[in-house]
Amino acid sequence: YRQLDYWARTGLVEPSVRPAYGSGSQRLYSFRDV
C-alpha cells in the first residue's frame, strides 16, 4: 500500500476512477490502472 500511495502522490500511476480528496477519502482504480 505504501508503494501504491507513493506512486499515486508522485503521479506515476494515478487512479483514473477517483483520486483521493483529502484525509479519509478512498482512491478508486480502474481495471486498466491495475
PDB file of all heavy atoms in Angstrom:
ATOM      1  N   TYR A   1       0.838  -1.194   0.000  1.00  0.00           N
ATOM      2  CA  TYR A   1       0.000   0.000   0.000  1.00  0.00           C
ATOM      3  C   TYR A   1       0.878   1.251   0.000  1.00  0.00           C
ATOM      4  O   TYR A   1       0.536   2.260  -0.598  1.00  0.00           O
ATOM      5  CB  TYR A   1      -0.952   0.005   1.199  1.00  0.00           C
ATOM      6  CG  TYR A   1      -2.006   1.066   1.043  1.00  0.00           C
ATOM      7  CD1 TYR A   1      -3.139   0.834   0.278  1.00  0.00           C
ATOM      8  CD2 TYR A   1      -1.847   2.321   1.626  1.00  0.00           C
ATOM      9  CE1 TYR A   1      -4.099   1.810   0.091  1.00  0.00           C
ATOM     10  CE2 TYR A   1      -2.802   3.309   1.451  1.00  0.00           C
ATOM     11  CZ  TYR A   1      -3.925   3.051   0.685  1.00  0.00           C
ATOM     12  OH  TYR A   1      -4.859   4.027   0.498  1.00  0.00           O
ATOM     13  N   ARG A   2       2.014   1.167   0.645  1.00  0.00           N
ATOM     14  CA  ARG A   2       2.948   2.294   0.676  1.00  0.00           C
ATOM     15  C   ARG A   2       3.420   2.644  -0.740  1.00  0.00           C
ATOM     16  O   ARG A   2       3.506   3.805  -1.119  1.00  0.00           O
ATOM     17  CB  ARG A   2       4.128   1.950   1.578  1.00  0.00           C
ATOM     18  CG  ARG A   2       5.074   3.067   1.793  1.00  0.00           C
ATOM     19  CD  ARG A   2       6.198   2.625   2.730  1.00  0.00           C
ATOM     20  NE  ARG A   2       6.705   3.780   3.410  1.00  0.00           N
ATOM     21  CZ  ARG A   2       7.220   3.782   4.597  1.00  0.00           C
ATOM     22  NH1 ARG A   2       7.280   2.658   5.275  1.00  0.00           N
ATOM     23  NH2 ARG A   2       7.674   4.875   5.134  1.00  0.00           N
ATOM     24  N   GLN A   3       3.755   1.615  -1.535  1.00  0.00           N
ATOM     25  CA  GLN A   3       4.146   1.847  -2.936  1.00  0.00           C
ATOM     26  C   GLN A   3       2.994   2.481  -3.713  1.00  0.00           C
ATOM     27  O   GLN A   3       3.189   3.443  -4.449  1.00  0.00           O
ATOM     28  CB  GLN A   3       4.534   0.528  -3.623  1.00  0.00           C
ATOM     29  CG  GLN A   3       5.878  -0.017  -3.247  1.00  0.00           C
ATOM     30  CD  GLN A   3       6.101  -1.373  -3.874  1.00  0.00           C
ATOM     31  OE1 GLN A   3       5.327  -2.311  -3.652  1.00  0.00           O
ATOM     32  NE2 GLN A   3       7.157  -1.495  -4.657  1.00  0.00           N
ATOM     33  N   LEU A   4       1.804   1.922  -3.558  1.00  0.00           N
ATOM     34  CA  LEU A   4       0.634   2.423  -4.270  1.00  0.00           C
ATOM     35  C   LEU A   4       0.407   3.899  -3.956  1.00  0.00           C
ATOM     36  O   LEU A   4       0.202   4.716  -4.853  1.00  0.00           O
ATOM     37  CB  LEU A   4      -0.602   1.599  -3.882  1.00  0.00           C
ATOM     38  CG  LEU A   4      -1.903   1.981  -4.562  1.00  0.00           C
ATOM     39  CD1 LEU A   4      -1.892   1.540  -6.024  1.00  0.00           C
ATOM     40  CD2 LEU A   4      -3.077   1.350  -3.833  1.00  0.00           C
ATOM     41  N   ASP A   5       0.469   4.239  -2.685  1.00  0.00           N
ATOM     42  CA  ASP A   5       0.255   5.612  -2.254  1.00  0.00           C
ATOM     43  C   ASP A   5       1.335   6.534  -2.829  1.00  0.00           C
ATOM     44  O   ASP A   5       1.032   7.610  -3.348  1.00  0.00           O
ATOM     45  CB  ASP A   5       0.256   5.677  -0.723  1.00  0.00           C
ATOM     46  CG  ASP A   5      -0.019   7.068  -0.203  1.00  0.00           C
ATOM     47  OD1 ASP A   5      -1.075   7.629  -0.569  1.00  0.00           O
ATOM     48  OD2 ASP A   5       0.822   7.597   0.555  1.00  0.00           O
ATOM     49  N   TYR A   6       2.577   6.087  -2.782  1.00  0.00           N
ATOM     50  CA  TYR A   6       3.680   6.892  -3.304  1.00  0.00           C
ATOM     51  C   TYR A   6       3.537   7.113  -4.809  1.00  0.00           C
ATOM     52  O   TYR A   6       3.697   8.217  -5.312  1.00  0.00           O
ATOM     53  CB  TYR A   6       5.022   6.217  -2.979  1.00  0.00           C
ATOM     54  CG  TYR A   6       6.205   6.981  -3.508  1.00  0.00           C
ATOM     55  CD1 TYR A   6       6.627   8.156  -2.891  1.00  0.00           C
ATOM     56  CD2 TYR A   6       6.902   6.529  -4.631  1.00  0.00           C
ATOM     57  CE1 TYR A   6       7.716   8.870  -3.380  1.00  0.00           C
ATOM     58  CE2 TYR A   6       7.981   7.237  -5.128  1.00  0.00           C
ATOM     59  CZ  TYR A   6       8.385   8.403  -4.497  1.00  0.00           C
ATOM     60  OH  TYR A   6       9.449   9.110  -4.988  1.00  0.00           O
ATOM     61  N   TRP A   7       3.207   6.052  -5.540  1.00  0.00           N
ATOM     62  CA  TRP A   7       3.054   6.161  -6.994  1.00  0.00           C
ATOM     63  C   TRP A   7       1.904   7.096  -7.352  1.00  0.00           C
ATOM     64  O   TRP A   7       1.977   7.824  -8.337  1.00  0.00           O
ATOM     65  CB  TRP A   7       2.847   4.796  -7.616  1.00  0.00           C
ATOM     66  CG  TRP A   7       4.039   3.882  -7.510  1.00  0.00           C
ATOM     67  CD1 TRP A   7       5.290   4.201  -7.068  1.00  0.00           C
ATOM     68  CD2 TRP A   7       4.081   2.502  -7.843  1.00  0.00           C
ATOM     69  NE1 TRP A   7       6.105   3.100  -7.102  1.00  0.00           N
ATOM     70  CE2 TRP A   7       5.381   2.039  -7.573  1.00  0.00           C
ATOM     71  CE3 TRP A   7       3.140   1.604  -8.324  1.00  0.00           C
ATOM     72  CZ2 TRP A   7       5.771   0.726  -7.788  1.00  0.00           C
ATOM     73  CZ3 TRP A   7       3.529   0.280  -8.538  1.00  0.00           C
ATOM     74  CH2 TRP A   7       4.838  -0.142  -8.280  1.00  0.00           C
ATOM     75  N   ALA A   8       0.830   7.081  -6.564  1.00  0.00           N
ATOM     76  CA  ALA A   8      -0.291   7.985  -6.825  1.00  0.00           C
ATOM     77  C   ALA A   8       0.109   9.426  -6.518  1.00  0.00           C
ATOM     78  O   ALA A   8      -0.180  10.342  -7.298  1.00  0.00           O
ATOM     79  CB  ALA A   8      -1.504   7.579  -5.993  1.00  0.00           C
ATOM     80  N   ARG A   9       0.789   9.655  -5.377  1.00  0.00           N
ATOM     81  CA  ARG A   9       1.166  11.016  -4.996  1.00  0.00           C
ATOM     82  C   ARG A   9       2.199  11.620  -5.936  1.00  0.00           C
ATOM     83  O   ARG A   9       2.204  12.826  -6.167  1.00  0.00           O
ATOM     84  CB  ARG A   9       1.692  11.047  -3.559  1.00  0.00           C
ATOM     85  CG  ARG A   9       0.579  10.913  -2.519  1.00  0.00           C
ATOM     86  CD  ARG A   9       1.055  11.086  -1.087  1.00  0.00           C
ATOM     87  NE  ARG A   9       1.891   9.975  -0.650  1.00  0.00           N
ATOM     88  CZ  ARG A   9       3.207  10.054  -0.424  1.00  0.00           C
ATOM     89  NH1 ARG A   9       3.842  11.176  -0.569  1.00  0.00           N
ATOM     90  NH2 ARG A   9       3.882   8.994  -0.035  1.00  0.00           N
ATOM     91  N   THR A  10       3.057  10.792  -6.526  1.00  0.00           N
ATOM     92  CA  THR A  10       4.086  11.306  -7.434  1.00  0.00           C
ATOM     93  C   THR A  10       3.623  11.315  -8.891  1.00  0.00           C
ATOM     94  O   THR A  10       4.364  11.748  -9.771  1.00  0.00           O
ATOM     95  CB  THR A  10       5.382  10.474  -7.335  1.00  0.00           C
ATOM     96  OG1 THR A  10       5.102   9.114  -7.680  1.00  0.00           O
ATOM     97  CG2 THR A  10       5.982  10.561  -5.938  1.00  0.00           C
ATOM     98  N   GLY A  11       2.421  10.825  -9.149  1.00  0.00           N
ATOM     99  CA  GLY A  11       1.874  10.855 -10.498  1.00  0.00           C
ATOM    100  C   GLY A  11       2.342   9.725 -11.398  1.00  0.00           C
ATOM    101  O   GLY A  11       2.078   9.747 -12.596  1.00  0.00           O
ATOM    102  N   LEU A  12       3.023   8.722 -10.846  1.00  0.00           N
ATOM    103  CA  LEU A  12       3.461   7.601 -11.681  1.00  0.00           C
ATOM    104  C   LEU A  12       2.257   6.834 -12.207  1.00  0.00           C
ATOM    105  O   LEU A  12       2.110   6.633 -13.414  1.00  0.00           O
ATOM    106  CB  LEU A  12       4.401   6.673 -10.907  1.00  0.00           C
ATOM    107  CG  LEU A  12       4.924   5.467 -11.663  1.00  0.00           C
ATOM    108  CD1 LEU A  12       5.731   5.887 -12.884  1.00  0.00           C
ATOM    109  CD2 LEU A  12       5.775   4.587 -10.754  1.00  0.00           C
ATOM    110  N   VAL A  13       1.390   6.394 -11.304  1.00  0.00           N
ATOM    111  CA  VAL A  13       0.125   5.762 -11.689  1.00  0.00           C
ATOM    112  C   VAL A  13      -0.947   6.335 -10.772  1.00  0.00           C
ATOM    113  O   VAL A  13      -1.040   5.968  -9.608  1.00  0.00           O
ATOM    114  CB  VAL A  13       0.156   4.222 -11.554  1.00  0.00           C
ATOM    115  CG1 VAL A  13      -1.175   3.621 -12.010  1.00  0.00           C
ATOM    116  CG2 VAL A  13       1.296   3.622 -12.356  1.00  0.00           C
ATOM    117  N   GLU A  14      -1.737   7.235 -11.326  1.00  0.00           N
ATOM    118  CA  GLU A  14      -2.815   7.850 -10.564  1.00  0.00           C
ATOM    119  C   GLU A  14      -4.120   7.117 -10.851  1.00  0.00           C
ATOM    120  O   GLU A  14      -4.338   6.642 -11.965  1.00  0.00           O
ATOM    121  CB  GLU A  14      -2.965   9.319 -10.965  1.00  0.00           C
ATOM    122  CG  GLU A  14      -1.735  10.146 -10.624  1.00  0.00           C
ATOM    123  CD  GLU A  14      -1.847  11.560 -11.135  1.00  0.00           C
ATOM    124  OE1 GLU A  14      -1.702  11.750 -12.357  1.00  0.00           O
ATOM    125  OE2 GLU A  14      -2.093  12.450 -10.299  1.00  0.00           O
ATOM    126  N   PRO A  15      -4.992   7.017  -9.846  1.00  0.00           N
ATOM    127  CA  PRO A  15      -6.270   6.351 -10.077  1.00  0.00           C
ATOM    128  C   PRO A  15      -7.130   7.161 -11.040  1.00  0.00           C
ATOM    129  O   PRO A  15      -7.306   8.356 -10.860  1.00  0.00           O
ATOM    130  CB  PRO A  15      -6.901   6.291  -8.681  1.00  0.00           C
ATOM    131  CG  PRO A  15      -6.223   7.367  -7.904  1.00  0.00           C
ATOM    132  CD  PRO A  15      -4.858   7.528  -8.487  1.00  0.00           C
ATOM    133  N   SER A  16      -7.653   6.504 -12.064  1.00  0.00           N
ATOM    134  CA  SER A  16      -8.433   7.216 -13.076  1.00  0.00           C
ATOM    135  C   SER A  16      -9.921   7.287 -12.730  1.00  0.00           C
ATOM    136  O   SER A  16     -10.641   8.084 -13.300  1.00  0.00           O
ATOM    137  CB  SER A  16      -8.240   6.575 -14.445  1.00  0.00           C
ATOM    138  OG  SER A  16      -8.714   5.256 -14.446  1.00  0.00           O
ATOM    139  N   VAL A  17     -10.381   6.464 -11.786  1.00  0.00           N
ATOM    140  CA  VAL A  17     -11.799   6.492 -11.432  1.00  0.00           C
ATOM    141  C   VAL A  17     -12.069   7.582 -10.401  1.00  0.00           C
ATOM    142  O   VAL A  17     -12.924   8.426 -10.581  1.00  0.00           O
ATOM    143  CB  VAL A  17     -12.279   5.120 -10.904  1.00  0.00           C
ATOM    144  CG1 VAL A  17     -13.729   5.185 -10.442  1.00  0.00           C
ATOM    145  CG2 VAL A  17     -12.103   4.053 -11.962  1.00  0.00           C
ATOM    146  N   ARG A  18     -11.300   7.569  -9.302  1.00  0.00           N
ATOM    147  CA  ARG A  18     -11.494   8.586  -8.269  1.00  0.00           C
ATOM    148  C   ARG A  18     -10.186   8.805  -7.514  1.00  0.00           C
ATOM    149  O   ARG A  18      -9.705   7.910  -6.822  1.00  0.00           O
ATOM    150  CB  ARG A  18     -12.591   8.151  -7.299  1.00  0.00           C
ATOM    151  CG  ARG A  18     -12.919   9.218  -6.251  1.00  0.00           C
ATOM    152  CD  ARG A  18     -14.112   8.860  -5.388  1.00  0.00           C
ATOM    153  NE  ARG A  18     -13.852   7.687  -4.582  1.00  0.00           N
ATOM    154  CZ  ARG A  18     -14.776   6.799  -4.240  1.00  0.00           C
ATOM    155  NH1 ARG A  18     -16.017   6.935  -4.643  1.00  0.00           N
ATOM    156  NH2 ARG A  18     -14.466   5.760  -3.505  1.00  0.00           N
ATOM    157  N   PRO A  19      -9.623   9.998  -7.632  1.00  0.00           N
ATOM    158  CA  PRO A  19      -8.410  10.306  -6.856  1.00  0.00           C
ATOM    159  C   PRO A  19      -8.783  10.572  -5.395  1.00  0.00           C
ATOM    160  O   PRO A  19      -9.959  10.743  -5.073  1.00  0.00           O
ATOM    161  CB  PRO A  19      -7.869  11.570  -7.529  1.00  0.00           C
ATOM    162  CG  PRO A  19      -9.049  12.211  -8.152  1.00  0.00           C
ATOM    163  CD  PRO A  19     -10.017  11.098  -8.497  1.00  0.00           C
ATOM    164  N   ALA A  20      -7.790  10.613  -4.527  1.00  0.00           N
ATOM    165  CA  ALA A  20      -8.028  10.935  -3.126  1.00  0.00           C
ATOM    166  C   ALA A  20      -8.282  12.430  -2.998  1.00  0.00           C
ATOM    167  O   ALA A  20      -7.584  13.239  -3.611  1.00  0.00           O
ATOM    168  CB  ALA A  20      -6.827  10.532  -2.285  1.00  0.00           C
ATOM    169  N   TYR A  21      -9.302  12.778  -2.243  1.00  0.00           N
ATOM    170  CA  TYR A  21      -9.607  14.182  -1.966  1.00  0.00           C
ATOM    171  C   TYR A  21      -9.516  14.397  -0.468  1.00  0.00           C
ATOM    172  O   TYR A  21     -10.497  14.313   0.228  1.00  0.00           O
ATOM    173  CB  TYR A  21     -11.013  14.559  -2.455  1.00  0.00           C
ATOM    174  CG  TYR A  21     -11.143  14.549  -3.947  1.00  0.00           C
ATOM    175  CD1 TYR A  21     -11.883  13.582  -4.601  1.00  0.00           C
ATOM    176  CD2 TYR A  21     -10.527  15.529  -4.718  1.00  0.00           C
ATOM    177  CE1 TYR A  21     -12.004  13.589  -5.976  1.00  0.00           C
ATOM    178  CE2 TYR A  21     -10.641  15.541  -6.094  1.00  0.00           C
ATOM    179  CZ  TYR A  21     -11.383  14.575  -6.710  1.00  0.00           C
ATOM    180  OH  TYR A  21     -11.492  14.580  -8.074  1.00  0.00           O
ATOM    181  N   GLY A  22      -8.324  14.614   0.045  1.00  0.00           N
ATOM    182  CA  GLY A  22      -8.152  14.879   1.465  1.00  0.00           C
ATOM    183  C   GLY A  22      -8.132  13.619   2.302  1.00  0.00           C
ATOM    184  O   GLY A  22      -8.232  12.499   1.812  1.00  0.00           O
ATOM    185  N   SER A  23      -8.025  13.826   3.576  1.00  0.00           N
ATOM    186  CA  SER A  23      -7.899  12.734   4.537  1.00  0.00           C
ATOM    187  C   SER A  23      -9.170  11.889   4.581  1.00  0.00           C
ATOM    188  O   SER A  23     -10.280  12.417   4.623  1.00  0.00           O
ATOM    189  CB  SER A  23      -7.622  13.325   5.918  1.00  0.00           C
ATOM    190  OG  SER A  23      -7.554  12.314   6.870  1.00  0.00           O
ATOM    191  N   GLY A  24      -8.979  10.587   4.558  1.00  0.00           N
ATOM    192  CA  GLY A  24     -10.103   9.664   4.695  1.00  0.00           C
ATOM    193  C   GLY A  24     -10.810   9.296   3.398  1.00  0.00           C
ATOM    194  O   GLY A  24     -11.651   8.407   3.396  1.00  0.00           O
ATOM    195  N   SER A  25     -10.505   9.974   2.310  1.00  0.00           N
ATOM    196  CA  SER A  25     -11.161   9.615   1.050  1.00  0.00           C
ATOM    197  C   SER A  25     -10.471   8.396   0.444  1.00  0.00           C
ATOM    198  O   SER A  25      -9.302   8.158   0.685  1.00  0.00           O
ATOM    199  CB  SER A  25     -11.142  10.788   0.067  1.00  0.00           C
ATOM    200  OG  SER A  25      -9.826  11.086  -0.320  1.00  0.00           O
ATOM    201  N   GLN A  26     -11.234   7.640  -0.313  1.00  0.00           N
ATOM    202  CA  GLN A  26     -10.728   6.402  -0.908  1.00  0.00           C
ATOM    203  C   GLN A  26     -10.474   6.584  -2.400  1.00  0.00           C
ATOM    204  O   GLN A  26     -11.369   6.976  -3.134  1.00  0.00           O
ATOM    205  CB  GLN A  26     -11.753   5.276  -0.723  1.00  0.00           C
ATOM    206  CG  GLN A  26     -11.901   4.808   0.695  1.00  0.00           C
ATOM    207  CD  GLN A  26     -10.776   3.873   1.101  1.00  0.00           C
ATOM    208  OE1 GLN A  26     -10.218   3.148   0.289  1.00  0.00           O
ATOM    209  NE2 GLN A  26     -10.425   3.904   2.365  1.00  0.00           N
ATOM    210  N   ARG A  27      -9.254   6.285  -2.814  1.00  0.00           N
ATOM    211  CA  ARG A  27      -8.970   6.274  -4.251  1.00  0.00           C
ATOM    212  C   ARG A  27      -9.646   5.048  -4.852  1.00  0.00           C
ATOM    213  O   ARG A  27      -9.726   4.000  -4.227  1.00  0.00           O
ATOM    214  CB  ARG A  27      -7.465   6.156  -4.497  1.00  0.00           C
ATOM    215  CG  ARG A  27      -6.667   7.326  -4.060  1.00  0.00           C
ATOM    216  CD  ARG A  27      -5.188   7.095  -4.412  1.00  0.00           C
ATOM    217  NE  ARG A  27      -4.360   8.149  -3.905  1.00  0.00           N
ATOM    218  CZ  ARG A  27      -3.541   8.027  -2.866  1.00  0.00           C
ATOM    219  NH1 ARG A  27      -3.434   6.881  -2.250  1.00  0.00           N
ATOM    220  NH2 ARG A  27      -2.819   9.044  -2.469  1.00  0.00           N
ATOM    221  N   LEU A  28     -10.073   5.199  -6.115  1.00  0.00           N
ATOM    222  CA  LEU A  28     -10.608   4.056  -6.845  1.00  0.00           C
ATOM    223  C   LEU A  28      -9.837   3.930  -8.156  1.00  0.00           C
ATOM    224  O   LEU A  28      -9.720   4.886  -8.918  1.00  0.00           O
ATOM    225  CB  LEU A  28     -12.100   4.229  -7.163  1.00  0.00           C
ATOM    226  CG  LEU A  28     -13.098   3.878  -6.075  1.00  0.00           C
ATOM    227  CD1 LEU A  28     -14.527   4.039  -6.594  1.00  0.00           C
ATOM    228  CD2 LEU A  28     -12.895   2.475  -5.548  1.00  0.00           C
ATOM    229  N   TYR A  29      -9.322   2.725  -8.403  1.00  0.00           N
ATOM    230  CA  TYR A  29      -8.530   2.434  -9.585  1.00  0.00           C
ATOM    231  C   TYR A  29      -9.380   1.665 -10.584  1.00  0.00           C
ATOM    232  O   TYR A  29     -10.159   0.789 -10.205  1.00  0.00           O
ATOM    233  CB  TYR A  29      -7.307   1.594  -9.201  1.00  0.00           C
ATOM    234  CG  TYR A  29      -6.306   2.372  -8.384  1.00  0.00           C
ATOM    235  CD1 TYR A  29      -6.441   2.487  -7.012  1.00  0.00           C
ATOM    236  CD2 TYR A  29      -5.228   3.004  -8.997  1.00  0.00           C
ATOM    237  CE1 TYR A  29      -5.526   3.219  -6.262  1.00  0.00           C
ATOM    238  CE2 TYR A  29      -4.312   3.733  -8.262  1.00  0.00           C
ATOM    239  CZ  TYR A  29      -4.478   3.840  -6.900  1.00  0.00           C
ATOM    240  OH  TYR A  29      -3.579   4.574  -6.159  1.00  0.00           O
ATOM    241  N   SER A  30      -9.197   1.966 -11.862  1.00  0.00           N
ATOM    242  CA  SER A  30      -9.883   1.221 -12.915  1.00  0.00           C
ATOM    243  C   SER A  30      -9.146  -0.092 -13.164  1.00  0.00           C
ATOM    244  O   SER A  30      -8.023  -0.292 -12.692  1.00  0.00           O
ATOM    245  CB  SER A  30      -9.910   2.038 -14.216  1.00  0.00           C
ATOM    246  OG  SER A  30      -8.602   2.115 -14.766  1.00  0.00           O
ATOM    247  N   PHE A  31      -9.788  -0.957 -13.939  1.00  0.00           N
ATOM    248  CA  PHE A  31      -9.138  -2.215 -14.320  1.00  0.00           C
ATOM    249  C   PHE A  31      -7.808  -1.937 -15.022  1.00  0.00           C
ATOM    250  O   PHE A  31      -6.784  -2.528 -14.713  1.00  0.00           O
ATOM    251  CB  PHE A  31     -10.068  -3.028 -15.227  1.00  0.00           C
ATOM    252  CG  PHE A  31      -9.428  -4.282 -15.731  1.00  0.00           C
ATOM    253  CD1 PHE A  31      -9.371  -5.415 -14.940  1.00  0.00           C
ATOM    254  CD2 PHE A  31      -8.856  -4.329 -16.991  1.00  0.00           C
ATOM    255  CE1 PHE A  31      -8.755  -6.574 -15.392  1.00  0.00           C
ATOM    256  CE2 PHE A  31      -8.236  -5.480 -17.455  1.00  0.00           C
ATOM    257  CZ  PHE A  31      -8.192  -6.607 -16.643  1.00  0.00           C
ATOM    258  N   ARG A  32      -7.805  -1.008 -15.978  1.00  0.00           N
ATOM    259  CA  ARG A  32      -6.583  -0.676 -16.713  1.00  0.00           C
ATOM    260  C   ARG A  32      -5.513  -0.145 -15.763  1.00  0.00           C
ATOM    261  O   ARG A  32      -4.337  -0.463 -15.909  1.00  0.00           O
ATOM    262  CB  ARG A  32      -6.853   0.344 -17.809  1.00  0.00           C
ATOM    263  CG  ARG A  32      -5.575   0.708 -18.580  1.00  0.00           C
ATOM    264  CD  ARG A  32      -5.812   1.783 -19.589  1.00  0.00           C
ATOM    265  NE  ARG A  32      -6.618   1.293 -20.675  1.00  0.00           N
ATOM    266  CZ  ARG A  32      -6.250   1.334 -21.944  1.00  0.00           C
ATOM    267  NH1 ARG A  32      -5.117   1.878 -22.287  1.00  0.00           N
ATOM    268  NH2 ARG A  32      -7.027   0.853 -22.873  1.00  0.00           N
ATOM    269  N   ASP A  33      -5.908   0.668 -14.765  1.00  0.00           N
ATOM    270  CA  ASP A  33      -4.946   1.159 -13.770  1.00  0.00           C
ATOM    271  C   ASP A  33      -4.245  -0.011 -13.083  1.00  0.00           C
ATOM    272  O   ASP A  33      -3.034   0.018 -12.865  1.00  0.00           O
ATOM    273  CB  ASP A  33      -5.636   2.003 -12.692  1.00  0.00           C
ATOM    274  CG  ASP A  33      -6.247   3.295 -13.186  1.00  0.00           C
ATOM    275  OD1 ASP A  33      -5.835   3.796 -14.253  1.00  0.00           O
ATOM    276  OD2 ASP A  33      -7.149   3.813 -12.491  1.00  0.00           O
ATOM    277  N   VAL A  34      -5.021  -1.032 -12.732  1.00  0.00           N
ATOM    278  CA  VAL A  34      -4.457  -2.188 -12.029  1.00  0.00           C
ATOM    279  C   VAL A  34      -3.489  -2.951 -12.940  1.00  0.00           C
ATOM    280  O   VAL A  34      -2.417  -3.387 -12.507  1.00  0.00           O
ATOM    281  CB  VAL A  34      -5.574  -3.107 -11.469  1.00  0.00           C
ATOM    282  CG1 VAL A  34      -4.980  -4.338 -10.785  1.00  0.00           C
ATOM    283  CG2 VAL A  34      -6.465  -2.329 -10.493  1.00  0.00           C
TER     284      VAL A  34
END
